[in-house]
Amino acid sequence: MANVENLVIIGSGPAGYTAGIYAARANLSPVLFEGYQSGGLLMLTSEVENFPGFPKGIVGPELMGLFRSQAERFGTRLIAKNVTGVDFRTRPLKILIDKEVVLANCAIISTGASTKWLGIESEKRLLGKGVSSCATCDGAFFKGEKVVVVGGGDSAMEEANFLTKFASQVTIIHRRAALRASKIMQERALKNPKISFVWDSEVEEVLGDDGVKGVKLRHLKTGATQQLDCGGVFIAIGHEPNTAFLRGQLDLDAKGYIVMVKQPTTTTSVPGVFAAGDVQDPLYRQAITAAGSGCQAAIDAERYLESLHG
């Protein structure tokens, strides 16, 4: 039989790298498949001011570089390849990288979630320059500014209400004439004097060169366009967990998030497979909570591997 790895971690970012740090220090000899685009959503964040230990803030890619260096320092083997599939129905576990098969006694899934974007060129060009998908991360940079939130669900209402702590005015742009958010979240937004709404409209273009100056909107029923001045645009149309390669292998919820079967542990529906970070967390989605669950997953993996030899 080919060599069987003790522990394979699939996905980088705060959860994966933290799992690597803890697993390596526990002498589990972890192998971490970072993917071709390592670091997760923090690689798209210009400034991180709410991660403990960095009172002056730190840019997202630099923070992820430090995580990565620490994991590597303790002996985590880092491989910059994408995992394309898994077979968790047999033992040892099979992890597929294109045509290569890696065998493992234990696995941690930390592939994160991807922001759903509008898909327009100007949004991509101004990402990190006034376009954001995280009010908690970036809201403080927009003190006294007018900002726009795109979306109509609970996430959009949460982002909008949070942004009123900093922005002078928040305008919610929604494609429909009614919100999809829960009643309580709708009421909070509708009663907030700093929040206004533009209905039945979509963002055609984010305006600005080196920073956001406004948005061009199109009314979906009349086709009429208008320009709205603002200094920031927050996209809140949802996140999508990166779990397509796991379908049929692990229990996923209706939105594709990995189901935790033994709270408060990181245990999934398959023994010896654990999950950490945004891939199993539709609620908090913060770097610090992802890192914490990466620690938990490594400890859970250590205890599971010990039970195999016990």
Protein backbone atom coordinates (compact mmCIF):
# COMPACT_ATOMS: atom_id res chain seq x y z
CA MET A 1 0.00 0.00 0.00
CA ALA A 2 1.16 3.56 -0.74
CA ASN A 3 2.32 5.76 2.12
CA VAL A 4 -0.58 6.86 4.33
CA GLU A 5 -0.43 10.40 5.73
CA ASN A 6 -1.39 10.85 9.35
CA LEU A 7 -3.37 14.05 8.81
CA VAL A 8 -4.27 16.02 5.70
CA ILE A 9 -5.59 19.59 6.00
CA ILE A 10 -7.51 20.80 2.96
CA GLY A 11 -7.56 24.58 2.57
CA SER A 12 -5.54 27.47 3.91
CA GLY A 13 -6.67 30.72 5.51
CA PRO A 14 -6.93 31.31 9.28
CA ALA A 15 -8.60 27.96 9.96
CA GLY A 16 -6.28 25.77 7.90
CA TYR A 17 -3.04 27.43 8.98
CA THR A 18 -4.06 27.40 12.66
CA ALA A 19 -4.94 23.72 12.37
CA GLY A 20 -1.49 23.21 10.86
CA ILE A 21 0.22 25.05 13.72
CA TYR A 22 -1.53 23.01 16.42
CA ALA A 23 -1.26 19.69 14.58
CA ALA A 24 2.43 20.14 13.85
CA ARG A 25 3.18 21.06 17.47
CA ALA A 26 1.36 17.88 18.49
CA ASN A 27 3.73 15.88 16.24
CA LEU A 28 0.93 14.82 13.89
CA SER A 29 3.07 15.51 10.77
CA PRO A 30 0.26 17.35 8.95
CA VAL A 31 0.20 17.93 5.21
CA LEU A 32 -1.68 21.07 4.21
CA PHE A 33 -2.99 21.56 0.67
CA GLU A 34 -3.17 25.35 0.38
CA GLY A 35 -4.77 25.52 -3.05
CA TYR A 36 -3.37 27.64 -5.84
CA GLN A 37 -4.88 30.76 -4.23
CA SER A 38 -3.91 30.47 -0.59
CA GLY A 39 -4.95 32.62 2.34
CA GLY A 40 -8.71 32.72 1.95
CA LEU A 41 -10.89 35.84 1.96
CA LEU A 42 -8.34 37.82 3.99
CA MET A 43 -6.21 38.01 0.86
CA LEU A 44 -8.86 40.44 -0.44
CA THR A 45 -8.87 42.62 2.68
CA SER A 46 -6.75 45.74 2.63
CA GLU A 47 -6.62 46.47 6.37
CA VAL A 48 -7.44 44.20 9.32
CA GLU A 49 -7.90 46.16 12.54
CA ASN A 50 -9.92 43.72 14.65
CA PHE A 51 -7.53 40.75 14.86
CA PRO A 52 -6.16 40.60 18.44
CA GLY A 53 -2.46 41.33 18.83
CA PHE A 54 -2.23 43.93 16.07
CA PRO A 55 -3.29 47.23 17.69
CA LYS A 56 -2.13 49.26 14.68
CA GLY A 57 -3.81 46.93 12.21
CA ILE A 58 -2.27 44.75 9.52
CA VAL A 59 -3.06 44.13 5.86
CA GLY A 60 -4.80 40.82 5.17
CA PRO A 61 -2.12 39.23 2.95
CA GLU A 62 0.59 40.09 5.49
CA LEU A 63 -1.42 38.51 8.31
CA MET A 64 -1.89 35.35 6.27
CA GLY A 65 1.82 35.31 5.49
CA LEU A 66 2.55 35.29 9.23
CA PHE A 67 0.05 32.45 9.79
CA ARG A 68 1.67 30.50 6.98
CA SER A 69 5.22 31.04 8.27
CA GLN A 70 4.22 29.90 11.75
CA ALA A 71 2.62 26.71 10.43
CA GLU A 72 5.70 26.01 8.34
CA ARG A 73 8.04 26.74 11.22
CA PHE A 74 6.56 23.93 13.31
CA GLY A 75 6.77 21.42 10.49
CA THR A 76 3.52 21.60 8.53
CA ARG A 77 4.21 20.49 4.97
CA LEU A 78 2.62 23.07 2.66
CA ILE A 79 1.63 22.07 -0.85
CA ALA A 80 0.26 24.69 -3.25
CA LYS A 81 -2.20 22.44 -5.06
CA ASN A 82 -6.00 22.27 -5.26
CA VAL A 83 -7.83 19.24 -3.92
CA THR A 84 -10.25 18.23 -6.69
CA GLY A 85 -12.15 15.46 -4.94
CA VAL A 86 -12.29 13.04 -2.02
CA ASP A 87 -13.42 9.52 -1.26
CA PHE A 88 -14.35 9.22 2.39
CA ARG A 89 -16.29 5.95 1.98
CA THR A 90 -13.24 3.75 2.50
CA ARG A 91 -10.23 3.58 4.81
CA PRO A 92 -7.76 5.10 4.56
CA LEU A 93 -9.38 8.31 3.34
CA LYS A 94 -8.62 9.27 -0.24
CA ILE A 95 -7.81 12.85 -1.24
CA LEU A 96 -7.64 13.53 -4.96
CA ILE A 97 -5.34 16.13 -6.51
CA ASP A 98 -6.06 15.95 -10.23
CA LYS A 99 -4.93 12.38 -11.06
CA GLU A 100 -2.89 11.92 -7.89
CA VAL A 101 -4.35 10.11 -4.85
CA VAL A 102 -3.18 10.91 -1.32
CA LEU A 103 -4.16 8.50 1.45
CA ALA A 104 -4.81 9.74 5.00
CA ASN A 105 -5.92 8.46 8.38
CA CYS A 106 -7.57 11.75 9.23
CA ALA A 107 -8.59 14.98 7.47
CA ILE A 108 -9.53 18.55 8.34
CA ILE A 109 -11.64 20.52 5.82
CA SER A 110 -10.95 24.26 5.95
CA THR A 111 -11.74 25.39 2.42
CA GLY A 112 -13.72 28.43 3.54
CA ALA A 113 -16.47 30.25 1.70
CA SER A 114 -16.47 32.57 -1.27
CA THR A 115 -18.24 35.90 -1.43
CA LYS A 116 -20.97 36.13 -4.04
CA TRP A 117 -20.09 39.14 -6.18
CA LEU A 118 -22.07 41.17 -8.70
CA GLY A 119 -19.68 40.14 -11.46
CA ILE A 120 -19.00 43.58 -12.96
CA GLU A 121 -15.55 44.84 -13.97
CA SER A 122 -15.61 48.00 -11.85
CA GLU A 123 -16.42 46.00 -8.71
CA LYS A 124 -13.34 43.85 -9.22
CA ARG A 125 -11.13 46.84 -10.08
CA LEU A 126 -12.11 48.76 -6.92
CA LEU A 127 -12.05 45.80 -4.54
CA GLY A 128 -10.15 46.94 -1.45
CA LYS A 129 -10.40 50.55 -2.66
CA GLY A 130 -13.89 51.22 -1.40
CA VAL A 131 -15.59 47.99 -2.47
CA SER A 132 -15.87 45.45 0.34
CA SER A 133 -17.88 42.41 1.40
CA CYS A 134 -17.35 42.78 5.15
CA ALA A 135 -18.68 45.71 7.17
CA THR A 136 -17.20 44.31 10.38
CA CYS A 137 -13.77 44.28 8.73
CA ASP A 138 -13.87 47.61 6.89
CA GLY A 139 -16.71 49.73 8.29
CA ALA A 140 -14.46 51.92 10.45
CA PHE A 141 -12.69 53.24 7.33
CA PHE A 142 -15.88 55.01 6.24
CA LYS A 143 -16.49 57.40 9.12
CA GLY A 144 -18.69 60.26 8.00
CA GLU A 145 -19.06 58.85 4.46
CA LYS A 146 -22.11 57.91 2.47
CA VAL A 147 -22.05 54.20 1.66
CA VAL A 148 -24.14 51.72 -0.30
CA VAL A 149 -25.10 48.17 0.70
CA VAL A 150 -26.22 45.80 -2.05
CA GLY A 151 -28.60 43.02 -0.99
CA GLY A 152 -31.93 42.31 0.64
CA GLY A 153 -31.37 39.47 3.09
CA ASP A 154 -30.38 39.28 6.75
CA SER A 155 -26.70 39.76 5.93
CA ALA A 156 -27.42 42.99 4.07
CA MET A 157 -29.55 44.34 6.93
CA GLU A 158 -26.86 43.42 9.47
CA GLU A 159 -24.18 45.11 7.37
CA ALA A 160 -26.30 48.23 6.92
CA ASN A 161 -27.17 48.57 10.61
CA PHE A 162 -23.53 48.03 11.59
CA LEU A 163 -22.33 50.64 9.09
CA THR A 164 -24.58 53.33 10.61
CA LYS A 165 -22.11 53.43 13.51
CA PHE A 166 -19.60 55.02 11.13
CA ALA A 167 -21.24 56.23 7.92
CA SER A 168 -23.30 59.41 7.68
CA GLN A 169 -25.83 57.66 5.47
CA VAL A 170 -26.40 54.06 4.31
CA THR A 171 -28.41 53.30 1.18
CA ILE A 172 -29.57 49.74 0.58
CA ILE A 173 -29.92 48.74 -3.08
CA HIS A 174 -32.24 45.79 -3.66
CA ARG A 175 -33.34 44.07 -6.87
CA ARG A 176 -36.91 43.60 -5.62
CA ALA A 177 -39.65 45.73 -4.07
CA ALA A 178 -39.60 43.79 -0.81
CA LEU A 179 -36.79 42.53 1.42
CA ARG A 180 -35.93 38.86 1.87
CA ALA A 181 -34.63 39.45 5.39
CA SER A 182 -36.38 38.18 8.51
CA LYS A 183 -39.08 40.44 9.97
CA ILE A 184 -36.96 41.58 12.91
CA MET A 185 -33.99 42.46 10.69
CA GLN A 186 -36.28 44.34 8.28
CA GLU A 187 -37.81 46.36 11.13
CA ARG A 188 -34.41 47.37 12.47
CA ALA A 189 -33.29 48.62 9.08
CA LEU A 190 -36.57 50.33 8.18
CA LYS A 191 -36.68 52.17 11.52
CA ASN A 192 -33.06 53.30 11.38
CA PRO A 193 -33.06 57.00 10.40
CA LYS A 194 -29.64 56.70 8.74
CA ILE A 195 -30.77 53.94 6.34
CA SER A 196 -32.62 54.58 3.07
CA PHE A 197 -33.64 52.22 0.27
CA VAL A 198 -33.58 52.08 -3.52
CA TRP A 199 -35.95 49.36 -4.72
CA ASP A 200 -36.15 47.27 -7.91
CA SER A 201 -32.65 48.33 -8.89
CA GLU A 202 -29.24 46.87 -9.57
CA VAL A 203 -25.72 48.29 -9.64
CA GLU A 204 -24.58 48.58 -13.25
CA GLU A 205 -21.23 50.18 -12.45
CA VAL A 206 -19.15 51.30 -9.48
CA LEU A 207 -17.81 54.75 -10.28
CA GLY A 208 -14.28 55.95 -9.51
CA ASP A 209 -10.65 55.45 -10.49
CA ASP A 210 -8.51 54.91 -7.38
CA GLY A 211 -11.46 54.95 -4.99
CA VAL A 212 -15.24 54.72 -5.00
CA LYS A 213 -17.04 57.94 -5.97
CA GLY A 214 -20.52 56.54 -6.52
CA VAL A 215 -22.63 53.91 -8.27
CA LYS A 216 -24.64 53.85 -11.47
CA LEU A 217 -28.01 52.18 -10.87
CA ARG A 218 -30.53 50.75 -13.30
CA HIS A 219 -34.21 50.35 -12.43
CA LEU A 220 -35.17 46.82 -13.39
CA LYS A 221 -38.78 47.67 -14.32
CA THR A 222 -38.35 50.94 -16.21
CA GLY A 223 -34.75 50.65 -17.39
CA ALA A 224 -34.05 54.18 -16.15
CA THR A 225 -30.57 54.85 -14.77
CA GLN A 226 -29.40 57.12 -12.00
CA GLN A 227 -26.12 57.99 -10.29
CA LEU A 228 -25.77 57.84 -6.54
CA ASP A 229 -22.78 59.45 -4.86
CA CYS A 230 -21.04 57.38 -2.18
CA GLY A 231 -17.60 56.61 -0.79
CA GLY A 232 -18.03 52.88 -0.25
CA VAL A 233 -19.92 49.90 -1.64
CA PHE A 234 -20.60 46.82 0.47
CA ILE A 235 -21.70 43.68 -1.37
CA ALA A 236 -23.99 41.56 0.83
CA ILE A 237 -25.69 39.11 -1.51
CA GLY A 238 -24.41 36.08 0.35
CA HIS A 239 -21.53 33.65 0.66
CA GLU A 240 -21.09 30.24 -0.88
CA PRO A 241 -19.14 27.56 1.03
CA ASN A 242 -16.41 25.90 -1.01
CA THR A 243 -17.84 22.39 -0.68
CA ALA A 244 -18.71 21.33 -4.23
CA PHE A 245 -15.98 18.67 -4.10
CA LEU A 246 -17.55 17.18 -0.96
CA ARG A 247 -21.07 16.50 -2.24
CA GLY A 248 -22.06 12.91 -1.59
CA GLN A 249 -19.13 12.48 0.82
CA LEU A 250 -20.16 14.57 3.85
CA ASP A 251 -23.51 15.79 5.19
CA LEU A 252 -24.08 19.35 3.98
CA ASP A 253 -26.96 21.67 4.82
CA ALA A 254 -29.30 23.23 2.25
CA LYS A 255 -26.81 26.04 1.56
CA GLY A 256 -23.84 23.69 1.23
CA TYR A 257 -22.22 24.27 4.63
CA ILE A 258 -20.71 21.22 6.34
CA VAL A 259 -22.97 19.90 9.09
CA MET A 260 -21.37 19.50 12.53
CA VAL A 261 -22.80 16.34 14.06
CA LYS A 262 -21.36 16.51 17.56
CA GLN A 263 -21.43 20.06 18.90
CA PRO A 264 -19.32 21.71 20.23
CA THR A 265 -16.65 19.61 18.50
CA THR A 266 -15.66 19.93 14.82
CA THR A 267 -16.81 16.39 14.02
CA THR A 268 -18.49 15.85 10.64
CA SER A 269 -20.71 12.97 9.50
CA VAL A 270 -17.63 10.87 8.66
CA PRO A 271 -15.43 9.65 11.56
CA GLY A 272 -11.95 11.07 11.30
CA VAL A 273 -13.01 14.02 9.15
CA PHE A 274 -13.27 17.40 10.86
CA ALA A 275 -14.19 20.85 9.59
CA ALA A 276 -13.07 24.33 10.58
CA GLY A 277 -13.68 27.92 9.57
CA ASP A 278 -16.21 29.46 7.21
CA VAL A 279 -16.86 26.16 5.44
CA GLN A 280 -19.01 25.20 8.44
CA ASP A 281 -19.88 28.66 9.80
CA PRO A 282 -22.62 30.69 8.06
CA LEU A 283 -23.08 32.90 11.12
CA TYR A 284 -19.86 34.59 12.27
CA ARG A 285 -17.39 34.34 9.36
CA GLN A 286 -14.55 36.17 11.12
CA ALA A 287 -10.82 35.48 10.95
CA ILE A 288 -10.61 35.03 14.72
CA THR A 289 -13.50 32.53 14.88
CA ALA A 290 -12.04 30.61 11.93
CA ALA A 291 -8.66 30.44 13.66
CA GLY A 292 -10.31 29.24 16.87
CA SER A 293 -12.14 26.45 15.09
CA GLY A 294 -8.88 25.47 13.35
CA CYS A 295 -7.37 24.97 16.80
CA GLN A 296 -10.40 22.88 17.84
CA ALA A 297 -10.20 20.73 14.70
CA ALA A 298 -6.50 19.99 15.28
CA ILE A 299 -7.18 18.94 18.87
CA ASP A 300 -10.15 16.81 17.74
CA ALA A 301 -7.94 15.19 15.09
CA GLU A 302 -5.22 14.50 17.66
CA ARG A 303 -7.70 12.77 19.97
CA TYR A 304 -9.17 10.77 17.09
CA LEU A 305 -5.73 9.55 15.97
CA GLU A 306 -4.88 8.62 19.54
CA SER A 307 -8.06 6.52 19.71
CA LEU A 308 -6.94 4.58 16.61
CA HIS A 309 -3.76 3.53 18.39
CA GLY A 310 -5.38 3.05 21.78
